[in-house]
PDB file of N, CA and C in Angstrom:
ATOM      1  N   MET A   1     -85.919 -66.342-101.455  1.00  0.00           N
ATOM      2  CA  MET A   1     -86.527 -66.341-100.143  1.00  0.00           C
ATOM      3  C   MET A   1     -86.125 -65.071 -99.404  1.00  0.00           C
ATOM      4  N   ARG A   2     -87.051 -64.527 -98.677  1.00  0.00           N
ATOM      5  CA  ARG A   2     -86.826 -63.308 -97.916  1.00  0.00           C
ATOM      6  C   ARG A   2     -85.870 -63.587 -96.756  1.00  0.00           C
ATOM      7  N   LYS A   3     -84.916 -62.687 -96.540  1.00  0.00           N
ATOM      8  CA  LYS A   3     -83.965 -62.805 -95.437  1.00  0.00           C
ATOM      9  C   LYS A   3     -84.519 -62.058 -94.231  1.00  0.00           C
ATOM     10  N   ILE A   4     -84.183 -62.573 -93.037  1.00  0.00           N
ATOM     11  CA  ILE A   4     -84.666 -61.926 -91.824  1.00  0.00           C
ATOM     12  C   ILE A   4     -83.489 -61.392 -91.004  1.00  0.00           C
ATOM     13  N   ASP A   5     -83.809 -60.473 -90.118  1.00  0.00           N
ATOM     14  CA  ASP A   5     -82.811 -59.938 -89.190  1.00  0.00           C
ATOM     15  C   ASP A   5     -82.833 -60.787 -87.927  1.00  0.00           C
ATOM     16  N   ARG A   6     -81.670 -61.205 -87.482  1.00  0.00           N
ATOM     17  CA  ARG A   6     -81.504 -61.906 -86.203  1.00  0.00           C
ATOM     18  C   ARG A   6     -80.216 -61.396 -85.591  1.00  0.00           C
ATOM     19  N   SER A   7     -80.221 -61.309 -84.278  1.00  0.00           N
ATOM     20  CA  SER A   7     -79.014 -60.881 -83.577  1.00  0.00           C
ATOM     21  C   SER A   7     -78.194 -62.107 -83.190  1.00  0.00           C
ATOM     22  N   SER A   8     -76.940 -61.883 -82.859  1.00  0.00           N
ATOM     23  CA  SER A   8     -76.102 -62.995 -82.415  1.00  0.00           C
ATOM     24  C   SER A   8     -76.665 -63.595 -81.130  1.00  0.00           C
ATOM     25  N   GLY A   9     -77.261 -62.765 -80.271  1.00  0.00           N
ATOM     26  CA  GLY A   9     -77.886 -63.262 -79.046  1.00  0.00           C
ATOM     27  C   GLY A   9     -79.064 -64.168 -79.324  1.00  0.00           C
ATOM     28  N   GLU A  10     -79.873 -63.807 -80.319  1.00  0.00           N
ATOM     29  CA  GLU A  10     -81.009 -64.662 -80.686  1.00  0.00           C
ATOM     30  C   GLU A  10     -80.534 -66.011 -81.214  1.00  0.00           C
ATOM     31  N   ILE A  11     -79.482 -65.980 -82.006  1.00  0.00           N
ATOM     32  CA  ILE A  11     -78.951 -67.226 -82.562  1.00  0.00           C
ATOM     33  C   ILE A  11     -78.355 -68.087 -81.455  1.00  0.00           C
ATOM     34  N   ALA A  12     -77.600 -67.480 -80.551  1.00  0.00           N
ATOM     35  CA  ALA A  12     -77.038 -68.226 -79.426  1.00  0.00           C
ATOM     36  C   ALA A  12     -78.154 -68.849 -78.600  1.00  0.00           C
ATOM     37  N   ASP A  13     -79.227 -68.103 -78.359  1.00  0.00           N
ATOM     38  CA  ASP A  13     -80.358 -68.611 -77.584  1.00  0.00           C
ATOM     39  C   ASP A  13     -81.024 -69.793 -78.286  1.00  0.00           C
ATOM     40  N   THR A  14     -81.217 -69.706 -79.579  1.00  0.00           N
ATOM     41  CA  THR A  14     -81.835 -70.797 -80.325  1.00  0.00           C
ATOM     42  C   THR A  14     -80.973 -72.055 -80.253  1.00  0.00           C
ATOM     43  N   ILE A  15     -79.673 -71.901 -80.449  1.00  0.00           N
ATOM     44  CA  ILE A  15     -78.769 -73.056 -80.393  1.00  0.00           C
ATOM     45  C   ILE A  15     -78.757 -73.644 -78.983  1.00  0.00           C
ATOM     46  N   GLU A  16     -78.709 -72.799 -77.966  1.00  0.00           N
ATOM     47  CA  GLU A  16     -78.723 -73.293 -76.580  1.00  0.00           C
ATOM     48  C   GLU A  16     -80.001 -74.061 -76.279  1.00  0.00           C
ATOM     49  N   ARG A  17     -81.135 -73.519 -76.689  1.00  0.00           N
ATOM     50  CA  ARG A  17     -82.401 -74.218 -76.461  1.00  0.00           C
ATOM     51  C   ARG A  17     -82.408 -75.556 -77.194  1.00  0.00           C
ATOM     52  N   PHE A  18     -81.827 -75.605 -78.375  1.00  0.00           N
ATOM     53  CA  PHE A  18     -81.726 -76.863 -79.113  1.00  0.00           C
ATOM     54  C   PHE A  18     -80.859 -77.862 -78.344  1.00  0.00           C
ATOM     55  N   LEU A  19     -79.711 -77.407 -77.854  1.00  0.00           N
ATOM     56  CA  LEU A  19     -78.810 -78.273 -77.086  1.00  0.00           C
ATOM     57  C   LEU A  19     -79.466 -78.768 -75.800  1.00  0.00           C
ATOM     58  N   ASP A  20     -80.275 -77.913 -75.184  1.00  0.00           N
ATOM     59  CA  ASP A  20     -80.943 -78.270 -73.934  1.00  0.00           C
ATOM     60  C   ASP A  20     -82.198 -79.121 -74.151  1.00  0.00           C
ATOM     61  N   GLY A  21     -82.567 -79.309 -75.421  1.00  0.00           N
ATOM     62  CA  GLY A  21     -83.745 -80.120 -75.732  1.00  0.00           C
ATOM     63  C   GLY A  21     -85.063 -79.409 -75.495  1.00  0.00           C
ATOM     64  N   ILE A  22     -85.024 -78.081 -75.399  1.00  0.00           N
ATOM     65  CA  ILE A  22     -86.264 -77.338 -75.157  1.00  0.00           C
ATOM     66  C   ILE A  22     -86.670 -76.472 -76.350  1.00  0.00           C
ATOM     67  N   CYS A  23     -85.945 -76.593 -77.427  1.00  0.00           N
ATOM     68  CA  CYS A  23     -86.270 -75.874 -78.659  1.00  0.00           C
ATOM     69  C   CYS A  23     -87.385 -76.654 -79.359  1.00  0.00           C
ATOM     70  N   ARG A  24     -88.466 -75.967 -79.659  1.00  0.00           N
ATOM     71  CA  ARG A  24     -89.545 -76.652 -80.374  1.00  0.00           C
ATOM     72  C   ARG A  24     -89.041 -77.067 -81.754  1.00  0.00           C
ATOM     73  N   ARG A  25     -89.528 -78.163 -82.232  1.00  0.00           N
ATOM     74  CA  ARG A  25     -89.054 -78.731 -83.499  1.00  0.00           C
ATOM     75  C   ARG A  25     -89.068 -77.708 -84.629  1.00  0.00           C
ATOM     76  N   TRP A  26     -90.157 -76.985 -84.754  1.00  0.00           N
ATOM     77  CA  TRP A  26     -90.266 -76.057 -85.880  1.00  0.00           C
ATOM     78  C   TRP A  26     -89.375 -74.837 -85.691  1.00  0.00           C
ATOM     79  N   ASP A  27     -89.044 -74.489 -84.455  1.00  0.00           N
ATOM     80  CA  ASP A  27     -88.121 -73.381 -84.225  1.00  0.00           C
ATOM     81  C   ASP A  27     -86.758 -73.692 -84.836  1.00  0.00           C
ATOM     82  N   TRP A  28     -86.275 -74.921 -84.609  1.00  0.00           N
ATOM     83  CA  TRP A  28     -84.979 -75.319 -85.164  1.00  0.00           C
ATOM     84  C   TRP A  28     -85.059 -75.394 -86.684  1.00  0.00           C
ATOM     85  N   ASP A  29     -86.146 -75.935 -87.182  1.00  0.00           N
ATOM     86  CA  ASP A  29     -86.330 -76.032 -88.635  1.00  0.00           C
ATOM     87  C   ASP A  29     -86.348 -74.641 -89.262  1.00  0.00           C
ATOM     88  N   ASP A  30     -87.085 -73.720 -88.659  1.00  0.00           N
ATOM     89  CA  ASP A  30     -87.124 -72.341 -89.171  1.00  0.00           C
ATOM     90  C   ASP A  30     -85.740 -71.711 -89.128  1.00  0.00           C
ATOM     91  N   PHE A  31     -85.028 -71.906 -88.012  1.00  0.00           N
ATOM     92  CA  PHE A  31     -83.683 -71.346 -87.889  1.00  0.00           C
ATOM     93  C   PHE A  31     -82.776 -71.872 -88.998  1.00  0.00           C
ATOM     94  N   CYS A  32     -82.850 -73.164 -89.271  1.00  0.00           N
ATOM     95  CA  CYS A  32     -81.953 -73.770 -90.258  1.00  0.00           C
ATOM     96  C   CYS A  32     -82.324 -73.450 -91.698  1.00  0.00           C
ATOM     97  N   THR A  33     -83.565 -73.070 -91.950  1.00  0.00           N
ATOM     98  CA  THR A  33     -83.998 -72.899 -93.338  1.00  0.00           C
ATOM     99  C   THR A  33     -84.235 -71.455 -93.779  1.00  0.00           C
ATOM    100  N   VAL A  34     -84.427 -70.543 -92.842  1.00  0.00           N
ATOM    101  CA  VAL A  34     -84.722 -69.153 -93.221  1.00  0.00           C
ATOM    102  C   VAL A  34     -83.433 -68.332 -93.214  1.00  0.00           C
ATOM    103  N   PRO A  35     -83.035 -67.802 -94.365  1.00  0.00           N
ATOM    104  CA  PRO A  35     -81.791 -67.029 -94.457  1.00  0.00           C
ATOM    105  C   PRO A  35     -81.783 -65.801 -93.549  1.00  0.00           C
ATOM    106  N   ILE A  36     -80.601 -65.477 -93.062  1.00  0.00           N
ATOM    107  CA  ILE A  36     -80.400 -64.325 -92.180  1.00  0.00           C
ATOM    108  C   ILE A  36     -79.676 -63.241 -92.976  1.00  0.00           C
ATOM    109  N   ARG A  37     -80.104 -62.014 -92.793  1.00  0.00           N
ATOM    110  CA  ARG A  37     -79.560 -60.889 -93.568  1.00  0.00           C
ATOM    111  C   ARG A  37     -78.049 -60.712 -93.354  1.00  0.00           C
ATOM    112  N   ASP A  38     -77.571 -60.825 -92.121  1.00  0.00           N
ATOM    113  CA  ASP A  38     -76.142 -60.664 -91.822  1.00  0.00           C
ATOM    114  C   ASP A  38     -75.377 -61.886 -92.351  1.00  0.00           C
ATOM    115  N   PRO A  39     -74.432 -61.694 -93.280  1.00  0.00           N
ATOM    116  CA  PRO A  39     -73.731 -62.831 -93.895  1.00  0.00           C
ATOM    117  C   PRO A  39     -72.968 -63.704 -92.889  1.00  0.00           C
ATOM    118  N   GLN A  40     -72.372 -63.104 -91.864  1.00  0.00           N
ATOM    119  CA  GLN A  40     -71.634 -63.897 -90.874  1.00  0.00           C
ATOM    120  C   GLN A  40     -72.580 -64.772 -90.056  1.00  0.00           C
ATOM    121  N   LEU A  41     -73.718 -64.215 -89.665  1.00  0.00           N
ATOM    122  CA  LEU A  41     -74.690 -64.991 -88.909  1.00  0.00           C
ATOM    123  C   LEU A  41     -75.363 -66.036 -89.791  1.00  0.00           C
ATOM    124  N   ASP A  42     -75.541 -65.715 -91.060  1.00  0.00           N
ATOM    125  CA  ASP A  42     -76.122 -66.702 -91.970  1.00  0.00           C
ATOM    126  C   ASP A  42     -75.161 -67.876 -92.180  1.00  0.00           C
ATOM    127  N   ALA A  43     -73.867 -67.606 -92.159  1.00  0.00           N
ATOM    128  CA  ALA A  43     -72.888 -68.696 -92.270  1.00  0.00           C
ATOM    129  C   ALA A  43     -73.008 -69.648 -91.084  1.00  0.00           C
ATOM    130  N   ILE A  44     -73.277 -69.104 -89.909  1.00  0.00           N
ATOM    131  CA  ILE A  44     -73.485 -69.946 -88.723  1.00  0.00           C
ATOM    132  C   ILE A  44     -74.741 -70.782 -88.913  1.00  0.00           C
ATOM    133  N   ARG A  45     -75.802 -70.170 -89.405  1.00  0.00           N
ATOM    134  CA  ARG A  45     -77.052 -70.895 -89.668  1.00  0.00           C
ATOM    135  C   ARG A  45     -76.817 -72.046 -90.625  1.00  0.00           C
ATOM    136  N   LEU A  46     -76.092 -71.778 -91.692  1.00  0.00           N
ATOM    137  CA  LEU A  46     -75.817 -72.822 -92.683  1.00  0.00           C
ATOM    138  C   LEU A  46     -74.976 -73.951 -92.094  1.00  0.00           C
ATOM    139  N   ARG A  47     -74.017 -73.594 -91.257  1.00  0.00           N
ATOM    140  CA  ARG A  47     -73.182 -74.619 -90.609  1.00  0.00           C
ATOM    141  C   ARG A  47     -74.045 -75.493 -89.700  1.00  0.00           C
ATOM    142  N   CYS A  48     -74.936 -74.866 -88.947  1.00  0.00           N
ATOM    143  CA  CYS A  48     -75.848 -75.622 -88.076  1.00  0.00           C
ATOM    144  C   CYS A  48     -76.729 -76.563 -88.902  1.00  0.00           C
ATOM    145  N   ALA A  49     -77.215 -76.063 -90.012  1.00  0.00           N
ATOM    146  CA  ALA A  49     -78.099 -76.867 -90.859  1.00  0.00           C
ATOM    147  C   ALA A  49     -77.383 -78.089 -91.429  1.00  0.00           C
ATOM    148  N   GLY A  50     -76.076 -77.995 -91.618  1.00  0.00           N
ATOM    149  CA  GLY A  50     -75.329 -79.098 -92.210  1.00  0.00           C
ATOM    150  C   GLY A  50     -74.640 -80.026 -91.221  1.00  0.00           C
ATOM    151  N   LEU A  51     -74.763 -79.747 -89.925  1.00  0.00           N
ATOM    152  CA  LEU A  51     -74.038 -80.552 -88.937  1.00  0.00           C
ATOM    153  C   LEU A  51     -74.466 -82.011 -88.924  1.00  0.00           C
ATOM    154  N   SER A  52     -75.726 -82.286 -89.207  1.00  0.00           N
ATOM    155  CA  SER A  52     -76.175 -83.681 -89.199  1.00  0.00           C
ATOM    156  C   SER A  52     -75.510 -84.484 -90.313  1.00  0.00           C
ATOM    157  N   GLN A  53     -75.096 -83.822 -91.368  1.00  0.00           N
ATOM    158  CA  GLN A  53     -74.379 -84.510 -92.448  1.00  0.00           C
ATOM    159  C   GLN A  53     -72.880 -84.508 -92.200  1.00  0.00           C
ATOM    160  N   GLU A  54     -72.370 -83.410 -91.641  1.00  0.00           N
ATOM    161  CA  GLU A  54     -70.941 -83.309 -91.359  1.00  0.00           C
ATOM    162  C   GLU A  54     -70.532 -84.223 -90.201  1.00  0.00           C
ATOM    163  N   PHE A  55     -71.415 -84.327 -89.207  1.00  0.00           N
ATOM    164  CA  PHE A  55     -71.163 -85.156 -88.030  1.00  0.00           C
ATOM    165  C   PHE A  55     -72.358 -86.091 -87.812  1.00  0.00           C
ATOM    166  N   PRO A  56     -72.528 -87.083 -88.669  1.00  0.00           N
ATOM    167  CA  PRO A  56     -73.684 -87.979 -88.530  1.00  0.00           C
ATOM    168  C   PRO A  56     -73.620 -88.764 -87.218  1.00  0.00           C
ATOM    169  N   THR A  57     -74.792 -89.091 -86.718  1.00  0.00           N
ATOM    170  CA  THR A  57     -74.876 -89.838 -85.471  1.00  0.00           C
ATOM    171  C   THR A  57     -75.310 -91.276 -85.735  1.00  0.00           C
ATOM    172  N   ALA A  58     -74.898 -92.154 -84.858  1.00  0.00           N
ATOM    173  CA  ALA A  58     -75.334 -93.550 -84.923  1.00  0.00           C
ATOM    174  C   ALA A  58     -76.508 -93.767 -83.976  1.00  0.00           C
ATOM    175  N   GLU A  59     -76.839 -92.742 -83.187  1.00  0.00           N
ATOM    176  CA  GLU A  59     -77.892 -92.854 -82.190  1.00  0.00           C
ATOM    177  C   GLU A  59     -79.220 -92.369 -82.772  1.00  0.00           C
ATOM    178  N   LYS A  60     -80.196 -93.245 -82.766  1.00  0.00           N
ATOM    179  CA  LYS A  60     -81.514 -92.905 -83.311  1.00  0.00           C
ATOM    180  C   LYS A  60     -82.117 -91.719 -82.554  1.00  0.00           C
ATOM    181  N   GLY A  61     -82.672 -90.785 -83.308  1.00  0.00           N
ATOM    182  CA  GLY A  61     -83.335 -89.633 -82.722  1.00  0.00           C
ATOM    183  C   GLY A  61     -82.418 -88.471 -82.375  1.00  0.00           C
ATOM    184  N   HIS A  62     -81.121 -88.607 -82.628  1.00  0.00           N
ATOM    185  CA  HIS A  62     -80.183 -87.523 -82.355  1.00  0.00           C
ATOM    186  C   HIS A  62     -79.891 -86.774 -83.650  1.00  0.00           C
ATOM    187  N   TYR A  63     -79.641 -85.488 -83.529  1.00  0.00           N
ATOM    188  CA  TYR A  63     -79.416 -84.639 -84.703  1.00  0.00           C
ATOM    189  C   TYR A  63     -78.036 -84.870 -85.321  1.00  0.00           C
ATOM    190  N   CYS A  64     -77.037 -84.974 -84.452  1.00  0.00           N
ATOM    191  CA  CYS A  64     -75.669 -85.153 -84.916  1.00  0.00           C
ATOM    192  C   CYS A  64     -74.872 -85.864 -83.822  1.00  0.00           C
ATOM    193  N   SER A  65     -73.630 -86.165 -84.125  1.00  0.00           N
ATOM    194  CA  SER A  65     -72.780 -86.859 -83.155  1.00  0.00           C
ATOM    195  C   SER A  65     -72.373 -85.920 -82.014  1.00  0.00           C
ATOM    196  N   LYS A  66     -71.687 -86.484 -81.025  1.00  0.00           N
ATOM    197  CA  LYS A  66     -71.194 -85.678 -79.905  1.00  0.00           C
ATOM    198  C   LYS A  66     -70.232 -84.602 -80.391  1.00  0.00           C
ATOM    199  N   ALA A  67     -69.441 -84.908 -81.412  1.00  0.00           N
ATOM    200  CA  ALA A  67     -68.523 -83.908 -81.970  1.00  0.00           C
ATOM    201  C   ALA A  67     -69.314 -82.740 -82.569  1.00  0.00           C
ATOM    202  N   GLY A  68     -70.419 -83.022 -83.224  1.00  0.00           N
ATOM    203  CA  GLY A  68     -71.275 -81.971 -83.774  1.00  0.00           C
ATOM    204  C   GLY A  68     -71.902 -81.123 -82.681  1.00  0.00           C
ATOM    205  N   LEU A  69     -72.300 -81.772 -81.577  1.00  0.00           N
ATOM    206  CA  LEU A  69     -72.860 -81.023 -80.449  1.00  0.00           C
ATOM    207  C   LEU A  69     -71.813 -80.096 -79.844  1.00  0.00           C
ATOM    208  N   GLU A  70     -70.570 -80.539 -79.820  1.00  0.00           N
ATOM    209  CA  GLU A  70     -69.502 -79.683 -79.298  1.00  0.00           C
ATOM    210  C   GLU A  70     -69.290 -78.480 -80.217  1.00  0.00           C
ATOM    211  N   VAL A  71     -69.432 -78.665 -81.519  1.00  0.00           N
ATOM    212  CA  VAL A  71     -69.347 -77.538 -82.461  1.00  0.00           C
ATOM    213  C   VAL A  71     -70.440 -76.518 -82.131  1.00  0.00           C
ATOM    214  N   LEU A  72     -71.649 -77.001 -81.845  1.00  0.00           N
ATOM    215  CA  LEU A  72     -72.749 -76.107 -81.484  1.00  0.00           C
ATOM    216  C   LEU A  72     -72.437 -75.356 -80.193  1.00  0.00           C
ATOM    217  N   ARG A  73     -71.893 -76.058 -79.194  1.00  0.00           N
ATOM    218  CA  ARG A  73     -71.533 -75.397 -77.937  1.00  0.00           C
ATOM    219  C   ARG A  73     -70.483 -74.310 -78.164  1.00  0.00           C
ATOM    220  N   GLN A  74     -69.517 -74.606 -79.030  1.00  0.00           N
ATOM    221  CA  GLN A  74     -68.478 -73.621 -79.345  1.00  0.00           C
ATOM    222  C   GLN A  74     -69.086 -72.409 -80.050  1.00  0.00           C
ATOM    223  N   MET A  75     -70.043 -72.633 -80.930  1.00  0.00           N
ATOM    224  CA  MET A  75     -70.722 -71.516 -81.595  1.00  0.00           C
ATOM    225  C   MET A  75     -71.400 -70.617 -80.573  1.00  0.00           C
ATOM    226  N   VAL A  76     -72.067 -71.219 -79.597  1.00  0.00           N
ATOM    227  CA  VAL A  76     -72.743 -70.434 -78.565  1.00  0.00           C
ATOM    228  C   VAL A  76     -71.727 -69.592 -77.796  1.00  0.00           C
ATOM    229  N   ARG A  77     -70.605 -70.211 -77.399  1.00  0.00           N
ATOM    230  CA  ARG A  77     -69.575 -69.462 -76.670  1.00  0.00           C
ATOM    231  C   ARG A  77     -69.074 -68.282 -77.492  1.00  0.00           C
ATOM    232  N   GLU A  78     -68.823 -68.511 -78.776  1.00  0.00           N
ATOM    233  CA  GLU A  78     -68.308 -67.440 -79.633  1.00  0.00           C
ATOM    234  C   GLU A  78     -69.347 -66.349 -79.873  1.00  0.00           C
ATOM    235  N   LEU A  79     -70.611 -66.732 -79.972  1.00  0.00           N
ATOM    236  CA  LEU A  79     -71.666 -65.735 -80.159  1.00  0.00           C
ATOM    237  C   LEU A  79     -71.868 -64.899 -78.898  1.00  0.00           C
ATOM    238  N   GLN A  80     -71.728 -65.526 -77.741  1.00  0.00           N
ATOM    239  CA  GLN A  80     -71.931 -64.810 -76.476  1.00  0.00           C
ATOM    240  C   GLN A  80     -70.722 -63.969 -76.084  1.00  0.00           C
ATOM    241  N   HIS A  81     -69.533 -64.384 -76.528  1.00  0.00           N
ATOM    242  CA  HIS A  81     -68.303 -63.672 -76.166  1.00  0.00           C
ATOM    243  C   HIS A  81     -67.445 -63.470 -77.414  1.00  0.00           C
ATOM    244  N   PRO A  82     -67.902 -62.587 -78.316  1.00  0.00           N
ATOM    245  CA  PRO A  82     -67.155 -62.374 -79.559  1.00  0.00           C
ATOM    246  C   PRO A  82     -65.763 -61.821 -79.294  1.00  0.00           C
ATOM    247  N   LYS A  83     -64.833 -62.245 -80.131  1.00  0.00           N
ATOM    248  CA  LYS A  83     -63.464 -61.732 -80.047  1.00  0.00           C
ATOM    249  C   LYS A  83     -63.437 -60.329 -80.609  1.00  0.00           C
ATOM    250  N   ILE A  84     -62.808 -59.441 -79.881  1.00  0.00           N
ATOM    251  CA  ILE A  84     -62.719 -58.043 -80.321  1.00  0.00           C
ATOM    252  C   ILE A  84     -61.423 -57.878 -81.112  1.00  0.00           C
ATOM    253  N   PRO A  85     -61.527 -57.420 -82.370  1.00  0.00           N
ATOM    254  CA  PRO A  85     -60.324 -57.253 -83.179  1.00  0.00           C
ATOM    255  C   PRO A  85     -59.408 -56.182 -82.581  1.00  0.00           C
ATOM    256  N   ASN A  86     -58.103 -56.379 -82.734  1.00  0.00           N
ATOM    257  CA  ASN A  86     -57.115 -55.418 -82.199  1.00  0.00           C
ATOM    258  C   ASN A  86     -57.076 -54.168 -83.016  1.00  0.00           C
TER     259      ASN A  86
END
């Protein structure tokens, strides 16, 4: 499958829209299934794609548990404010 270029800002925006419930269904599906050229950003994509299995929910219609949603929020924070190496 062809890999695409995405910035950390684009990924943070997609995750935020998903958390806010305004991400269109296919946008999230595309994000989770289309590989990203940058290996670090692709690792985030893969983690997002697996959260429903890593943190299953008991609530019908929800993607993952509250713990999984917190993982997504943490990803957004880290993408928006990356740690600068010393």
